C-alpha atoms as a PDB file:
ATOM      1  CA  MET A   1       4.064 -11.873  10.074  1.00  0.00           C
ATOM      2  CA  GLY A   2       4.810  -8.197  10.990  1.00  0.00           C
ATOM      3  CA  ARG A   3       3.654  -8.350  14.444  1.00  0.00           C
ATOM      4  CA  GLU A   4       5.963 -11.121  15.089  1.00  0.00           C
ATOM      5  CA  ARG A   5       9.162  -9.489  13.391  1.00  0.00           C
ATOM      6  CA  TYR A   6       8.209  -6.048  14.630  1.00  0.00           C
ATOM      7  CA  PRO A   7       6.349  -6.399  18.048  1.00  0.00           C
ATOM      8  CA  THR A   8       6.841  -2.810  19.258  1.00  0.00           C
ATOM      9  CA  CYS A   9       5.839  -1.171  16.228  1.00  0.00           C
ATOM     10  CA  ASP A  10       2.891   1.230  16.671  1.00  0.00           C
ATOM     11  CA  ARG A  11       3.250   2.632  13.019  1.00  0.00           C
ATOM     12  CA  LEU A  12       2.679   1.749   9.319  1.00  0.00           C
ATOM     13  CA  MET A  13       3.706   3.901   6.678  1.00  0.00           C
ATOM     14  CA  ILE A  14       2.363   3.118   2.979  1.00  0.00           C
ATOM     15  CA  THR A  15       3.619   4.382  -0.217  1.00  0.00           C
ATOM     16  CA  ALA A  16       0.711   4.175  -3.104  1.00  0.00           C
ATOM     17  CA  ASP A  17       0.647   5.098  -6.461  1.00  0.00           C
ATOM     18  CA  GLY A  18      -1.878   8.388  -6.778  1.00  0.00           C
ATOM     19  CA  GLY A  19      -3.887   7.195  -9.352  1.00  0.00           C
ATOM     20  CA  GLY A  20      -6.743   4.699  -9.806  1.00  0.00           C
ATOM     21  CA  SER A  21      -8.521   2.866  -6.793  1.00  0.00           C
ATOM     22  CA  ASN A  22      -6.002   3.924  -4.064  1.00  0.00           C
ATOM     23  CA  GLY A  23      -5.786   7.809  -4.940  1.00  0.00           C
ATOM     24  CA  SER A  24      -5.760  10.055  -2.318  1.00  0.00           C
ATOM     25  CA  ARG A  25      -9.161  11.486  -3.107  1.00  0.00           C
ATOM     26  CA  VAL A  26     -10.590   7.903  -3.224  1.00  0.00           C
ATOM     27  CA  ARG A  27     -13.261   7.839  -0.349  1.00  0.00           C
ATOM     28  CA  PRO A  28     -13.315   3.718  -0.174  1.00  0.00           C
ATOM     29  CA  TRP A  29      -9.736   3.755  -0.233  1.00  0.00           C
ATOM     30  CA  LYS A  30      -9.665   6.053   2.943  1.00  0.00           C
ATOM     31  CA  ILE A  31     -12.427   4.267   4.604  1.00  0.00           C
ATOM     32  CA  GLU A  32     -10.467   0.711   4.551  1.00  0.00           C
ATOM     33  CA  LEU A  33      -7.229   2.163   5.918  1.00  0.00           C
ATOM     34  CA  GLN A  34      -9.194   3.335   8.664  1.00  0.00           C
ATOM     35  CA  LYS A  35     -10.945   0.290   9.440  1.00  0.00           C
ATOM     36  CA  LEU A  36      -7.198  -1.379   9.158  1.00  0.00           C
ATOM     37  CA  ALA A  37      -5.755   1.197  11.660  1.00  0.00           C
ATOM     38  CA  ASP A  38      -8.995   0.648  13.973  1.00  0.00           C
ATOM     39  CA  GLU A  39      -8.432  -3.435  13.804  1.00  0.00           C
ATOM     40  CA  THR A  40      -4.632  -3.143  14.210  1.00  0.00           C
ATOM     41  CA  GLY A  41      -4.313  -0.224  16.309  1.00  0.00           C
ATOM     42  CA  LEU A  42      -1.611   1.060  14.397  1.00  0.00           C
ATOM     43  CA  THR A  43      -1.330   4.855  13.140  1.00  0.00           C
ATOM     44  CA  ILE A  44      -1.234   4.561   9.411  1.00  0.00           C
ATOM     45  CA  GLY A  45       0.608   7.333   7.439  1.00  0.00           C
ATOM     46  CA  VAL A  46       0.264   7.232   3.261  1.00  0.00           C
ATOM     47  CA  CYS A  47       2.478   8.847   0.835  1.00  0.00           C
ATOM     48  CA  HIS A  48       1.092   9.114  -2.636  1.00  0.00           C
ATOM     49  CA  TYR A  49       3.109   9.162  -5.591  1.00  0.00           C
ATOM     50  CA  PRO A  50       1.980  11.368  -8.366  1.00  0.00           C
ATOM     51  CA  PRO A  51      -0.640   9.395 -10.857  1.00  0.00           C
ATOM     52  CA  GLY A  52       1.674   7.369 -13.445  1.00  0.00           C
ATOM     53  CA  THR A  53       4.525   7.250 -11.457  1.00  0.00           C
ATOM     54  CA  SER A  54       4.493   3.695  -9.820  1.00  0.00           C
ATOM     55  CA  LYS A  55       7.621   2.651 -11.602  1.00  0.00           C
ATOM     56  CA  TRP A  56       9.274   4.810  -9.044  1.00  0.00           C
ATOM     57  CA  ASN A  57       7.474   2.902  -5.962  1.00  0.00           C
ATOM     58  CA  LYS A  58      10.351   0.166  -5.585  1.00  0.00           C
ATOM     59  CA  ILE A  59       8.099  -2.243  -3.787  1.00  0.00           C
ATOM     60  CA  GLU A  60       5.120  -1.990  -6.301  1.00  0.00           C
ATOM     61  CA  HIS A  61       7.346  -2.409  -9.115  1.00  0.00           C
ATOM     62  CA  ARG A  62       8.868  -5.615  -7.682  1.00  0.00           C
ATOM     63  CA  CYS A  63       5.503  -7.006  -7.073  1.00  0.00           C
ATOM     64  CA  SER A  64       4.103  -6.209 -10.449  1.00  0.00           C
ATOM     65  CA  VAL A  65       7.184  -7.431 -12.266  1.00  0.00           C
ATOM     66  CA  THR A  66       7.311 -10.656 -10.279  1.00  0.00           C
ATOM     67  CA  SER A  67       3.621 -11.296 -10.860  1.00  0.00           C
ATOM     68  CA  ARG A  68       3.857 -11.043 -14.490  1.00  0.00           C
ATOM     69  CA  ARG A  69       6.714 -13.349 -14.415  1.00  0.00           C
ATOM     70  CA  THR A  70       4.997 -16.121 -12.947  1.00  0.00           C
ATOM     71  CA  GLY A  71       1.908 -15.439 -14.552  1.00  0.00           C
ATOM     72  CA  VAL A  72      -0.152 -14.676 -11.491  1.00  0.00           C
ATOM     73  CA  GLY A  73      -2.023 -11.169 -11.909  1.00  0.00           C
ATOM     74  CA  GLY A  74      -0.919  -8.376 -14.053  1.00  0.00           C
ATOM     75  CA  ARG A  75      -2.528  -7.687 -17.584  1.00  0.00           C
END
């Protein structure tokens, strides 16, 4: 979907919560991001929010609210 909408894009910026499985020090997270960069040819940048502040990440917050309403995902 992204390639169709943005065919000339060569970079991707990801915002992520700084804690948990996608924290800035978690090695598997970095390895998988590198695999994604290698597969897609994109230059990937990551901005981590401080731990516990995912409520400020508008996209992540919107996804979690939607998944709770539909009964999919969440806790």
